[in-house]
Amino acid sequence: LITCPSIQAIGFGLPGTEYDGQMIVSDYKDLLGVSVTEYFRT
């Protein structure tokens, strides 16, 4: 965002499943139970 402030949307490609705002399946244990999209949207 410092390099390119014209960025207006972000997409994450992550193996796993997000349901009801939280990661319920993930290959990366640090993301399990985390509200990834809501965190970065906020």
PDB file of all heavy atoms in Angstrom:
ATOM      1  N   LEU A   1       0.815  -1.211   0.000  1.00  0.00           N
ATOM      2  CA  LEU A   1       0.000   0.000   0.000  1.00  0.00           C
ATOM      3  C   LEU A   1       0.852   1.266   0.000  1.00  0.00           C
ATOM      4  O   LEU A   1       0.418   2.319  -0.473  1.00  0.00           O
ATOM      5  CB  LEU A   1      -0.950  -0.004   1.201  1.00  0.00           C
ATOM      6  CG  LEU A   1      -2.070  -1.048   1.137  1.00  0.00           C
ATOM      7  CD1 LEU A   1      -2.884  -1.043   2.416  1.00  0.00           C
ATOM      8  CD2 LEU A   1      -2.968  -0.800  -0.073  1.00  0.00           C
ATOM      9  N   ILE A   2       2.063   1.159   0.519  1.00  0.00           N
ATOM     10  CA  ILE A   2       3.007   2.280   0.413  1.00  0.00           C
ATOM     11  C   ILE A   2       3.510   2.402  -1.025  1.00  0.00           C
ATOM     12  O   ILE A   2       3.575   3.487  -1.601  1.00  0.00           O
ATOM     13  CB  ILE A   2       4.185   2.086   1.387  1.00  0.00           C
ATOM     14  CG1 ILE A   2       3.696   2.161   2.838  1.00  0.00           C
ATOM     15  CG2 ILE A   2       5.271   3.131   1.129  1.00  0.00           C
ATOM     16  CD1 ILE A   2       4.745   1.766   3.865  1.00  0.00           C
ATOM     17  N   THR A   3       3.847   1.263  -1.615  1.00  0.00           N
ATOM     18  CA  THR A   3       4.368   1.242  -2.984  1.00  0.00           C
ATOM     19  C   THR A   3       3.291   1.619  -3.991  1.00  0.00           C
ATOM     20  O   THR A   3       3.559   2.334  -4.960  1.00  0.00           O
ATOM     21  CB  THR A   3       4.909  -0.162  -3.328  1.00  0.00           C
ATOM     22  OG1 THR A   3       5.911  -0.523  -2.387  1.00  0.00           O
ATOM     23  CG2 THR A   3       5.494  -0.194  -4.736  1.00  0.00           C
ATOM     24  N   CYS A   4       2.074   1.130  -3.758  1.00  0.00           N
ATOM     25  CA  CYS A   4       1.007   1.295  -4.746  1.00  0.00           C
ATOM     26  C   CYS A   4      -0.300   1.682  -4.035  1.00  0.00           C
ATOM     27  O   CYS A   4      -1.167   0.835  -3.803  1.00  0.00           O
ATOM     28  CB  CYS A   4       0.830  -0.011  -5.522  1.00  0.00           C
ATOM     29  SG  CYS A   4      -0.255   0.110  -6.942  1.00  0.00           S
ATOM     30  N   PRO A   5      -0.449   2.951  -3.680  1.00  0.00           N
ATOM     31  CA  PRO A   5      -1.641   3.384  -2.943  1.00  0.00           C
ATOM     32  C   PRO A   5      -2.934   3.317  -3.744  1.00  0.00           C
ATOM     33  O   PRO A   5      -4.013   3.529  -3.186  1.00  0.00           O
ATOM     34  CB  PRO A   5      -1.301   4.834  -2.560  1.00  0.00           C
ATOM     35  CG  PRO A   5      -0.253   5.263  -3.521  1.00  0.00           C
ATOM     36  CD  PRO A   5       0.522   4.043  -3.858  1.00  0.00           C
ATOM     37  N   SER A   6      -2.844   3.010  -5.037  1.00  0.00           N
ATOM     38  CA  SER A   6      -4.048   2.885  -5.873  1.00  0.00           C
ATOM     39  C   SER A   6      -4.759   1.546  -5.678  1.00  0.00           C
ATOM     40  O   SER A   6      -5.803   1.297  -6.283  1.00  0.00           O
ATOM     41  CB  SER A   6      -3.680   3.055  -7.349  1.00  0.00           C
ATOM     42  OG  SER A   6      -2.689   2.111  -7.725  1.00  0.00           O
ATOM     43  N   ILE A   7      -4.207   0.651  -4.849  1.00  0.00           N
ATOM     44  CA  ILE A   7      -4.857  -0.632  -4.571  1.00  0.00           C
ATOM     45  C   ILE A   7      -6.201  -0.376  -3.882  1.00  0.00           C
ATOM     46  O   ILE A   7      -6.266   0.318  -2.867  1.00  0.00           O
ATOM     47  CB  ILE A   7      -3.956  -1.523  -3.690  1.00  0.00           C
ATOM     48  CG1 ILE A   7      -2.723  -1.981  -4.485  1.00  0.00           C
ATOM     49  CG2 ILE A   7      -4.729  -2.740  -3.163  1.00  0.00           C
ATOM     50  CD1 ILE A   7      -1.648  -2.635  -3.628  1.00  0.00           C
ATOM     51  N   GLN A   8      -7.261  -0.957  -4.441  1.00  0.00           N
ATOM     52  CA  GLN A   8      -8.610  -0.735  -3.925  1.00  0.00           C
ATOM     53  C   GLN A   8      -9.333  -2.014  -3.520  1.00  0.00           C
ATOM     54  O   GLN A   8     -10.482  -1.967  -3.076  1.00  0.00           O
ATOM     55  CB  GLN A   8      -9.450  -0.002  -4.980  1.00  0.00           C
ATOM     56  CG  GLN A   8      -8.939   1.388  -5.310  1.00  0.00           C
ATOM     57  CD  GLN A   8      -9.016   2.339  -4.124  1.00  0.00           C
ATOM     58  OE1 GLN A   8     -10.044   2.442  -3.477  1.00  0.00           O
ATOM     59  NE2 GLN A   8      -7.909   3.008  -3.821  1.00  0.00           N
ATOM     60  N   ALA A   9      -8.689  -3.167  -3.690  1.00  0.00           N
ATOM     61  CA  ALA A   9      -9.295  -4.442  -3.293  1.00  0.00           C
ATOM     62  C   ALA A   9      -8.176  -5.449  -3.072  1.00  0.00           C
ATOM     63  O   ALA A   9      -7.109  -5.364  -3.704  1.00  0.00           O
ATOM     64  CB  ALA A   9     -10.270  -4.958  -4.352  1.00  0.00           C
ATOM     65  N   ILE A  10      -8.423  -6.397  -2.176  1.00  0.00           N
ATOM     66  CA  ILE A  10      -7.416  -7.415  -1.844  1.00  0.00           C
ATOM     67  C   ILE A  10      -8.063  -8.789  -1.903  1.00  0.00           C
ATOM     68  O   ILE A  10      -9.160  -9.000  -1.362  1.00  0.00           O
ATOM     69  CB  ILE A  10      -6.839  -7.178  -0.437  1.00  0.00           C
ATOM     70  CG1 ILE A  10      -6.173  -5.801  -0.352  1.00  0.00           C
ATOM     71  CG2 ILE A  10      -5.815  -8.265  -0.075  1.00  0.00           C
ATOM     72  CD1 ILE A  10      -5.735  -5.411   1.051  1.00  0.00           C
ATOM     73  N   GLY A  11      -7.382  -9.733  -2.548  1.00  0.00           N
ATOM     74  CA  GLY A  11      -7.854 -11.110  -2.620  1.00  0.00           C
ATOM     75  C   GLY A  11      -6.816 -12.067  -2.058  1.00  0.00           C
ATOM     76  O   GLY A  11      -5.635 -12.003  -2.429  1.00  0.00           O
ATOM     77  N   PHE A  12      -7.250 -12.927  -1.146  1.00  0.00           N
ATOM     78  CA  PHE A  12      -6.379 -13.949  -0.561  1.00  0.00           C
ATOM     79  C   PHE A  12      -6.714 -15.310  -1.169  1.00  0.00           C
ATOM     80  O   PHE A  12      -7.876 -15.735  -1.151  1.00  0.00           O
ATOM     81  CB  PHE A  12      -6.578 -14.043   0.952  1.00  0.00           C
ATOM     82  CG  PHE A  12      -6.168 -12.825   1.720  1.00  0.00           C
ATOM     83  CD1 PHE A  12      -7.102 -11.883   2.094  1.00  0.00           C
ATOM     84  CD2 PHE A  12      -4.840 -12.614   2.066  1.00  0.00           C
ATOM     85  CE1 PHE A  12      -6.733 -10.753   2.804  1.00  0.00           C
ATOM     86  CE2 PHE A  12      -4.457 -11.490   2.771  1.00  0.00           C
ATOM     87  CZ  PHE A  12      -5.401 -10.557   3.141  1.00  0.00           C
ATOM     88  N   GLY A  13      -5.716 -15.995  -1.672  1.00  0.00           N
ATOM     89  CA  GLY A  13      -5.881 -17.374  -2.094  1.00  0.00           C
ATOM     90  C   GLY A  13      -5.324 -18.268  -1.003  1.00  0.00           C
ATOM     91  O   GLY A  13      -4.110 -18.332  -0.804  1.00  0.00           O
ATOM     92  N   LEU A  14      -6.217 -18.936  -0.278  1.00  0.00           N
ATOM     93  CA  LEU A  14      -5.789 -19.742   0.867  1.00  0.00           C
ATOM     94  C   LEU A  14      -6.439 -21.120   0.815  1.00  0.00           C
ATOM     95  O   LEU A  14      -7.663 -21.225   0.628  1.00  0.00           O
ATOM     96  CB  LEU A  14      -6.171 -19.061   2.183  1.00  0.00           C
ATOM     97  CG  LEU A  14      -5.451 -17.753   2.518  1.00  0.00           C
ATOM     98  CD1 LEU A  14      -6.101 -17.081   3.723  1.00  0.00           C
ATOM     99  CD2 LEU A  14      -3.979 -18.024   2.808  1.00  0.00           C
ATOM    100  N   PRO A  15      -5.653 -22.189   0.988  1.00  0.00           N
ATOM    101  CA  PRO A  15      -6.248 -23.522   1.072  1.00  0.00           C
ATOM    102  C   PRO A  15      -7.013 -23.646   2.380  1.00  0.00           C
ATOM    103  O   PRO A  15      -6.469 -23.412   3.461  1.00  0.00           O
ATOM    104  CB  PRO A  15      -5.034 -24.456   1.037  1.00  0.00           C
ATOM    105  CG  PRO A  15      -3.899 -23.627   1.555  1.00  0.00           C
ATOM    106  CD  PRO A  15      -4.193 -22.216   1.129  1.00  0.00           C
ATOM    107  N   GLY A  16      -8.278 -23.988   2.288  1.00  0.00           N
ATOM    108  CA  GLY A  16      -9.085 -24.101   3.494  1.00  0.00           C
ATOM    109  C   GLY A  16     -10.483 -23.570   3.277  1.00  0.00           C
ATOM    110  O   GLY A  16     -10.872 -23.250   2.157  1.00  0.00           O
ATOM    111  N   THR A  17     -11.217 -23.445   4.366  1.00  0.00           N
ATOM    112  CA  THR A  17     -12.619 -23.048   4.298  1.00  0.00           C
ATOM    113  C   THR A  17     -12.925 -22.040   5.389  1.00  0.00           C
ATOM    114  O   THR A  17     -12.554 -22.242   6.550  1.00  0.00           O
ATOM    115  CB  THR A  17     -13.547 -24.270   4.481  1.00  0.00           C
ATOM    116  OG1 THR A  17     -13.273 -25.221   3.449  1.00  0.00           O
ATOM    117  CG2 THR A  17     -15.010 -23.870   4.421  1.00  0.00           C
ATOM    118  N   GLU A  18     -13.601 -20.968   5.013  1.00  0.00           N
ATOM    119  CA  GLU A  18     -14.066 -19.981   5.976  1.00  0.00           C
ATOM    120  C   GLU A  18     -15.584 -20.087   6.080  1.00  0.00           C
ATOM    121  O   GLU A  18     -16.290 -20.080   5.073  1.00  0.00           O
ATOM    122  CB  GLU A  18     -13.660 -18.566   5.548  1.00  0.00           C
ATOM    123  CG  GLU A  18     -13.872 -17.529   6.638  1.00  0.00           C
ATOM    124  CD  GLU A  18     -13.325 -16.167   6.266  1.00  0.00           C
ATOM    125  OE1 GLU A  18     -13.664 -15.688   5.162  1.00  0.00           O
ATOM    126  OE2 GLU A  18     -12.566 -15.582   7.055  1.00  0.00           O
ATOM    127  N   TYR A  19     -16.088 -20.197   7.290  1.00  0.00           N
ATOM    128  CA  TYR A  19     -17.532 -20.310   7.504  1.00  0.00           C
ATOM    129  C   TYR A  19     -17.925 -19.471   8.707  1.00  0.00           C
ATOM    130  O   TYR A  19     -17.258 -19.511   9.743  1.00  0.00           O
ATOM    131  CB  TYR A  19     -17.939 -21.769   7.732  1.00  0.00           C
ATOM    132  CG  TYR A  19     -19.415 -21.944   8.038  1.00  0.00           C
ATOM    133  CD1 TYR A  19     -20.374 -21.632   7.077  1.00  0.00           C
ATOM    134  CD2 TYR A  19     -19.834 -22.394   9.278  1.00  0.00           C
ATOM    135  CE1 TYR A  19     -21.720 -21.786   7.345  1.00  0.00           C
ATOM    136  CE2 TYR A  19     -21.185 -22.549   9.558  1.00  0.00           C
ATOM    137  CZ  TYR A  19     -22.124 -22.241   8.586  1.00  0.00           C
ATOM    138  OH  TYR A  19     -23.461 -22.377   8.852  1.00  0.00           O
ATOM    139  N   ASP A  20     -19.015 -18.724   8.537  1.00  0.00           N
ATOM    140  CA  ASP A  20     -19.519 -17.876   9.614  1.00  0.00           C
ATOM    141  C   ASP A  20     -18.420 -16.944  10.130  1.00  0.00           C
ATOM    142  O   ASP A  20     -18.308 -16.694  11.335  1.00  0.00           O
ATOM    143  CB  ASP A  20     -20.079 -18.733  10.741  1.00  0.00           C
ATOM    144  CG  ASP A  20     -21.025 -17.948  11.655  1.00  0.00           C
ATOM    145  OD1 ASP A  20     -21.557 -16.927  11.199  1.00  0.00           O
ATOM    146  OD2 ASP A  20     -21.208 -18.364  12.817  1.00  0.00           O
ATOM    147  N   GLY A  21     -17.584 -16.474   9.174  1.00  0.00           N
ATOM    148  CA  GLY A  21     -16.571 -15.482   9.513  1.00  0.00           C
ATOM    149  C   GLY A  21     -15.264 -16.014  10.066  1.00  0.00           C
ATOM    150  O   GLY A  21     -14.372 -15.237  10.403  1.00  0.00           O
ATOM    151  N   GLN A  22     -15.108 -17.351  10.157  1.00  0.00           N
ATOM    152  CA  GLN A  22     -13.881 -17.908  10.719  1.00  0.00           C
ATOM    153  C   GLN A  22     -13.368 -19.060   9.865  1.00  0.00           C
ATOM    154  O   GLN A  22     -14.139 -19.761   9.206  1.00  0.00           O
ATOM    155  CB  GLN A  22     -14.111 -18.412  12.150  1.00  0.00           C
ATOM    156  CG  GLN A  22     -14.433 -17.316  13.148  1.00  0.00           C
ATOM    157  CD  GLN A  22     -14.509 -17.853  14.568  1.00  0.00           C
ATOM    158  OE1 GLN A  22     -14.694 -19.042  14.783  1.00  0.00           O
ATOM    159  NE2 GLN A  22     -14.342 -16.971  15.545  1.00  0.00           N
ATOM    160  N   MET A  23     -12.053 -19.243   9.879  1.00  0.00           N
ATOM    161  CA  MET A  23     -11.441 -20.365   9.181  1.00  0.00           C
ATOM    162  C   MET A  23     -11.715 -21.649   9.964  1.00  0.00           C
ATOM    163  O   MET A  23     -11.293 -21.790  11.115  1.00  0.00           O
ATOM    164  CB  MET A  23      -9.935 -20.161   9.057  1.00  0.00           C
ATOM    165  CG  MET A  23      -9.520 -19.018   8.155  1.00  0.00           C
ATOM    166  SD  MET A  23      -9.820 -19.350   6.402  1.00  0.00           S
ATOM    167  CE  MET A  23      -8.596 -20.621   6.067  1.00  0.00           C
ATOM    168  N   ILE A  24     -12.450 -22.572   9.351  1.00  0.00           N
ATOM    169  CA  ILE A  24     -12.750 -23.844  10.012  1.00  0.00           C
ATOM    170  C   ILE A  24     -11.874 -24.971   9.475  1.00  0.00           C
ATOM    171  O   ILE A  24     -11.740 -26.009  10.119  1.00  0.00           O
ATOM    172  CB  ILE A  24     -14.238 -24.219   9.883  1.00  0.00           C
ATOM    173  CG1 ILE A  24     -14.641 -24.353   8.399  1.00  0.00           C
ATOM    174  CG2 ILE A  24     -15.117 -23.202  10.586  1.00  0.00           C
ATOM    175  CD1 ILE A  24     -16.026 -24.930   8.191  1.00  0.00           C
ATOM    176  N   VAL A  25     -11.292 -24.770   8.293  1.00  0.00           N
ATOM    177  CA  VAL A  25     -10.333 -25.715   7.713  1.00  0.00           C
ATOM    178  C   VAL A  25      -9.190 -24.892   7.138  1.00  0.00           C
ATOM    179  O   VAL A  25      -9.418 -23.908   6.443  1.00  0.00           O
ATOM    180  CB  VAL A  25     -10.974 -26.566   6.590  1.00  0.00           C
ATOM    181  CG1 VAL A  25      -9.930 -27.482   5.962  1.00  0.00           C
ATOM    182  CG2 VAL A  25     -12.148 -27.376   7.109  1.00  0.00           C
ATOM    183  N   SER A  26      -7.955 -25.254   7.472  1.00  0.00           N
ATOM    184  CA  SER A  26      -6.809 -24.532   6.928  1.00  0.00           C
ATOM    185  C   SER A  26      -5.563 -25.405   7.008  1.00  0.00           C
ATOM    186  O   SER A  26      -5.368 -26.134   7.978  1.00  0.00           O
ATOM    187  CB  SER A  26      -6.567 -23.226   7.696  1.00  0.00           C
ATOM    188  OG  SER A  26      -5.408 -22.560   7.197  1.00  0.00           O
ATOM    189  N   ASP A  27      -4.728 -25.298   5.960  1.00  0.00           N
ATOM    190  CA  ASP A  27      -3.428 -25.967   6.003  1.00  0.00           C
ATOM    191  C   ASP A  27      -2.466 -25.243   6.937  1.00  0.00           C
ATOM    192  O   ASP A  27      -1.414 -25.777   7.272  1.00  0.00           O
ATOM    193  CB  ASP A  27      -2.819 -26.032   4.592  1.00  0.00           C
ATOM    194  CG  ASP A  27      -3.556 -27.007   3.686  1.00  0.00           C
ATOM    195  OD1 ASP A  27      -4.354 -27.811   4.211  1.00  0.00           O
ATOM    196  OD2 ASP A  27      -3.332 -26.960   2.460  1.00  0.00           O
ATOM    197  N   TYR A  28      -2.819 -24.020   7.341  1.00  0.00           N
ATOM    198  CA  TYR A  28      -1.959 -23.205   8.198  1.00  0.00           C
ATOM    199  C   TYR A  28      -2.629 -23.020   9.553  1.00  0.00           C
ATOM    200  O   TYR A  28      -3.632 -22.318   9.676  1.00  0.00           O
ATOM    201  CB  TYR A  28      -1.672 -21.862   7.523  1.00  0.00           C
ATOM    202  CG  TYR A  28      -1.024 -22.040   6.168  1.00  0.00           C
ATOM    203  CD1 TYR A  28      -1.755 -21.863   4.992  1.00  0.00           C
ATOM    204  CD2 TYR A  28       0.305 -22.438   6.063  1.00  0.00           C
ATOM    205  CE1 TYR A  28      -1.161 -22.054   3.749  1.00  0.00           C
ATOM    206  CE2 TYR A  28       0.902 -22.633   4.822  1.00  0.00           C
ATOM    207  CZ  TYR A  28       0.167 -22.444   3.670  1.00  0.00           C
ATOM    208  OH  TYR A  28       0.757 -22.658   2.444  1.00  0.00           O
ATOM    209  N   LYS A  29      -2.061 -23.660  10.567  1.00  0.00           N
ATOM    210  CA  LYS A  29      -2.703 -23.745  11.884  1.00  0.00           C
ATOM    211  C   LYS A  29      -2.927 -22.376  12.520  1.00  0.00           C
ATOM    212  O   LYS A  29      -3.856 -22.198  13.310  1.00  0.00           O
ATOM    213  CB  LYS A  29      -1.885 -24.636  12.819  1.00  0.00           C
ATOM    214  CG  LYS A  29      -0.453 -24.176  13.078  1.00  0.00           C
ATOM    215  CD  LYS A  29       0.283 -25.141  13.998  1.00  0.00           C
ATOM    216  CE  LYS A  29       1.725 -24.715  14.252  1.00  0.00           C
ATOM    217  NZ  LYS A  29       1.824 -23.385  14.884  1.00  0.00           N
ATOM    218  N   ASP A  30      -2.079 -21.390  12.194  1.00  0.00           N
ATOM    219  CA  ASP A  30      -2.217 -20.066  12.792  1.00  0.00           C
ATOM    220  C   ASP A  30      -3.441 -19.315  12.282  1.00  0.00           C
ATOM    221  O   ASP A  30      -3.801 -18.261  12.828  1.00  0.00           O
ATOM    222  CB  ASP A  30      -0.965 -19.223  12.529  1.00  0.00           C
ATOM    223  CG  ASP A  30       0.245 -19.737  13.294  1.00  0.00           C
ATOM    224  OD1 ASP A  30       0.062 -20.228  14.418  1.00  0.00           O
ATOM    225  OD2 ASP A  30       1.371 -19.661  12.771  1.00  0.00           O
ATOM    226  N   LEU A  31      -4.087 -19.837  11.248  1.00  0.00           N
ATOM    227  CA  LEU A  31      -5.283 -19.184  10.719  1.00  0.00           C
ATOM    228  C   LEU A  31      -6.576 -19.863  11.177  1.00  0.00           C
ATOM    229  O   LEU A  31      -7.662 -19.316  10.971  1.00  0.00           O
ATOM    230  CB  LEU A  31      -5.236 -19.146   9.186  1.00  0.00           C
ATOM    231  CG  LEU A  31      -4.127 -18.292   8.556  1.00  0.00           C
ATOM    232  CD1 LEU A  31      -4.225 -18.349   7.036  1.00  0.00           C
ATOM    233  CD2 LEU A  31      -4.186 -16.861   9.045  1.00  0.00           C
ATOM    234  N   LEU A  32      -6.474 -21.035  11.783  1.00  0.00           N
ATOM    235  CA  LEU A  32      -7.677 -21.738  12.241  1.00  0.00           C
ATOM    236  C   LEU A  32      -8.403 -20.910  13.311  1.00  0.00           C
ATOM    237  O   LEU A  32      -7.799 -20.421  14.263  1.00  0.00           O
ATOM    238  CB  LEU A  32      -7.312 -23.109  12.812  1.00  0.00           C
ATOM    239  CG  LEU A  32      -7.009 -24.205  11.792  1.00  0.00           C
ATOM    240  CD1 LEU A  32      -6.462 -25.445  12.489  1.00  0.00           C
ATOM    241  CD2 LEU A  32      -8.265 -24.560  10.993  1.00  0.00           C
ATOM    242  N   GLY A  33      -9.702 -20.755  13.122  1.00  0.00           N
ATOM    243  CA  GLY A  33     -10.506 -19.985  14.064  1.00  0.00           C
ATOM    244  C   GLY A  33     -10.370 -18.487  13.910  1.00  0.00           C
ATOM    245  O   GLY A  33     -10.961 -17.723  14.689  1.00  0.00           O
ATOM    246  N   VAL A  34      -9.624 -18.024  12.907  1.00  0.00           N
ATOM    247  CA  VAL A  34      -9.370 -16.597  12.707  1.00  0.00           C
ATOM    248  C   VAL A  34     -10.347 -16.027  11.677  1.00  0.00           C
ATOM    249  O   VAL A  34     -10.673 -16.681  10.682  1.00  0.00           O
ATOM    250  CB  VAL A  34      -7.917 -16.366  12.233  1.00  0.00           C
ATOM    251  CG1 VAL A  34      -7.677 -14.902  11.892  1.00  0.00           C
ATOM    252  CG2 VAL A  34      -6.941 -16.841  13.305  1.00  0.00           C
ATOM    253  N   SER A  35     -10.796 -14.816  11.909  1.00  0.00           N
ATOM    254  CA  SER A  35     -11.678 -14.112  10.964  1.00  0.00           C
ATOM    255  C   SER A  35     -10.803 -13.320   9.990  1.00  0.00           C
ATOM    256  O   SER A  35     -10.594 -12.112  10.149  1.00  0.00           O
ATOM    257  CB  SER A  35     -12.631 -13.179  11.712  1.00  0.00           C
ATOM    258  OG  SER A  35     -13.422 -13.902  12.629  1.00  0.00           O
ATOM    259  N   VAL A  36     -10.277 -14.007   8.987  1.00  0.00           N
ATOM    260  CA  VAL A  36      -9.297 -13.406   8.088  1.00  0.00           C
ATOM    261  C   VAL A  36      -9.896 -12.239   7.313  1.00  0.00           C
ATOM    262  O   VAL A  36      -9.371 -11.114   7.335  1.00  0.00           O
ATOM    263  CB  VAL A  36      -8.723 -14.460   7.117  1.00  0.00           C
ATOM    264  CG1 VAL A  36      -7.767 -13.801   6.119  1.00  0.00           C
ATOM    265  CG2 VAL A  36      -8.005 -15.557   7.884  1.00  0.00           C
ATOM    266  N   THR A  37     -10.997 -12.467   6.608  1.00  0.00           N
ATOM    267  CA  THR A  37     -11.545 -11.408   5.759  1.00  0.00           C
ATOM    268  C   THR A  37     -12.036 -10.223   6.595  1.00  0.00           C
ATOM    269  O   THR A  37     -11.829  -9.063   6.228  1.00  0.00           O
ATOM    270  CB  THR A  37     -12.684 -11.939   4.878  1.00  0.00           C
ATOM    271  OG1 THR A  37     -13.661 -12.588   5.696  1.00  0.00           O
ATOM    272  CG2 THR A  37     -12.158 -12.925   3.859  1.00  0.00           C
ATOM    273  N   GLU A  38     -12.692 -10.490   7.724  1.00  0.00           N
ATOM    274  CA  GLU A  38     -13.214  -9.405   8.543  1.00  0.00           C
ATOM    275  C   GLU A  38     -12.077  -8.569   9.139  1.00  0.00           C
ATOM    276  O   GLU A  38     -12.160  -7.331   9.218  1.00  0.00           O
ATOM    277  CB  GLU A  38     -14.095  -9.959   9.659  1.00  0.00           C
ATOM    278  CG  GLU A  38     -14.766  -8.887  10.516  1.00  0.00           C
ATOM    279  CD  GLU A  38     -15.613  -7.941   9.698  1.00  0.00           C
ATOM    280  OE1 GLU A  38     -16.203  -8.369   8.684  1.00  0.00           O
ATOM    281  OE2 GLU A  38     -15.683  -6.742  10.070  1.00  0.00           O
ATOM    282  N   TYR A  39     -10.989  -9.238   9.549  1.00  0.00           N
ATOM    283  CA  TYR A  39      -9.846  -8.519  10.112  1.00  0.00           C
ATOM    284  C   TYR A  39      -9.285  -7.519   9.100  1.00  0.00           C
ATOM    285  O   TYR A  39      -9.071  -6.334   9.415  1.00  0.00           O
ATOM    286  CB  TYR A  39      -8.761  -9.497  10.540  1.00  0.00           C
ATOM    287  CG  TYR A  39      -7.484  -8.828  10.994  1.00  0.00           C
ATOM    288  CD1 TYR A  39      -7.341  -8.371  12.303  1.00  0.00           C
ATOM    289  CD2 TYR A  39      -6.416  -8.639  10.115  1.00  0.00           C
ATOM    290  CE1 TYR A  39      -6.168  -7.743  12.726  1.00  0.00           C
ATOM    291  CE2 TYR A  39      -5.247  -8.017  10.522  1.00  0.00           C
ATOM    292  CZ  TYR A  39      -5.128  -7.576  11.828  1.00  0.00           C
ATOM    293  OH  TYR A  39      -3.976  -6.941  12.229  1.00  0.00           O
ATOM    294  N   PHE A  40      -9.048  -7.982   7.876  1.00  0.00           N
ATOM    295  CA  PHE A  40      -8.432  -7.108   6.884  1.00  0.00           C
ATOM    296  C   PHE A  40      -9.433  -6.103   6.312  1.00  0.00           C
ATOM    297  O   PHE A  40      -9.046  -4.997   5.928  1.00  0.00           O
ATOM    298  CB  PHE A  40      -7.785  -7.942   5.783  1.00  0.00           C
ATOM    299  CG  PHE A  40      -6.531  -8.633   6.239  1.00  0.00           C
ATOM    300  CD1 PHE A  40      -6.493 -10.011   6.410  1.00  0.00           C
ATOM    301  CD2 PHE A  40      -5.390  -7.905   6.526  1.00  0.00           C
ATOM    302  CE1 PHE A  40      -5.345 -10.648   6.850  1.00  0.00           C
ATOM    303  CE2 PHE A  40      -4.230  -8.529   6.962  1.00  0.00           C
ATOM    304  CZ  PHE A  40      -4.207  -9.905   7.133  1.00  0.00           C
ATOM    305  N   ARG A  41     -10.707  -6.466   6.269  1.00  0.00           N
ATOM    306  CA  ARG A  41     -11.719  -5.506   5.816  1.00  0.00           C
ATOM    307  C   ARG A  41     -11.799  -4.327   6.786  1.00  0.00           C
ATOM    308  O   ARG A  41     -11.898  -3.164   6.377  1.00  0.00           O
ATOM    309  CB  ARG A  41     -13.075  -6.194   5.699  1.00  0.00           C
ATOM    310  CG  ARG A  41     -14.139  -5.347   5.001  1.00  0.00           C
ATOM    311  CD  ARG A  41     -15.445  -6.122   4.872  1.00  0.00           C
ATOM    312  NE  ARG A  41     -15.291  -7.250   3.963  1.00  0.00           N
ATOM    313  CZ  ARG A  41     -15.497  -8.521   4.316  1.00  0.00           C
ATOM    314  NH1 ARG A  41     -15.848  -8.816   5.563  1.00  0.00           N
ATOM    315  NH2 ARG A  41     -15.355  -9.487   3.435  1.00  0.00           N
ATOM    316  N   THR A  42     -11.736  -4.621   8.068  1.00  0.00           N
ATOM    317  CA  THR A  42     -11.769  -3.571   9.080  1.00  0.00           C
ATOM    318  C   THR A  42     -10.492  -2.740   9.045  1.00  0.00           C
ATOM    319  O   THR A  42     -10.524  -1.507   9.152  1.00  0.00           O
ATOM    320  CB  THR A  42     -11.949  -4.185  10.481  1.00  0.00           C
ATOM    321  OG1 THR A  42     -13.183  -4.915  10.522  1.00  0.00           O
ATOM    322  CG2 THR A  42     -11.965  -3.115  11.556  1.00  0.00           C
TER     323      THR A  42
END
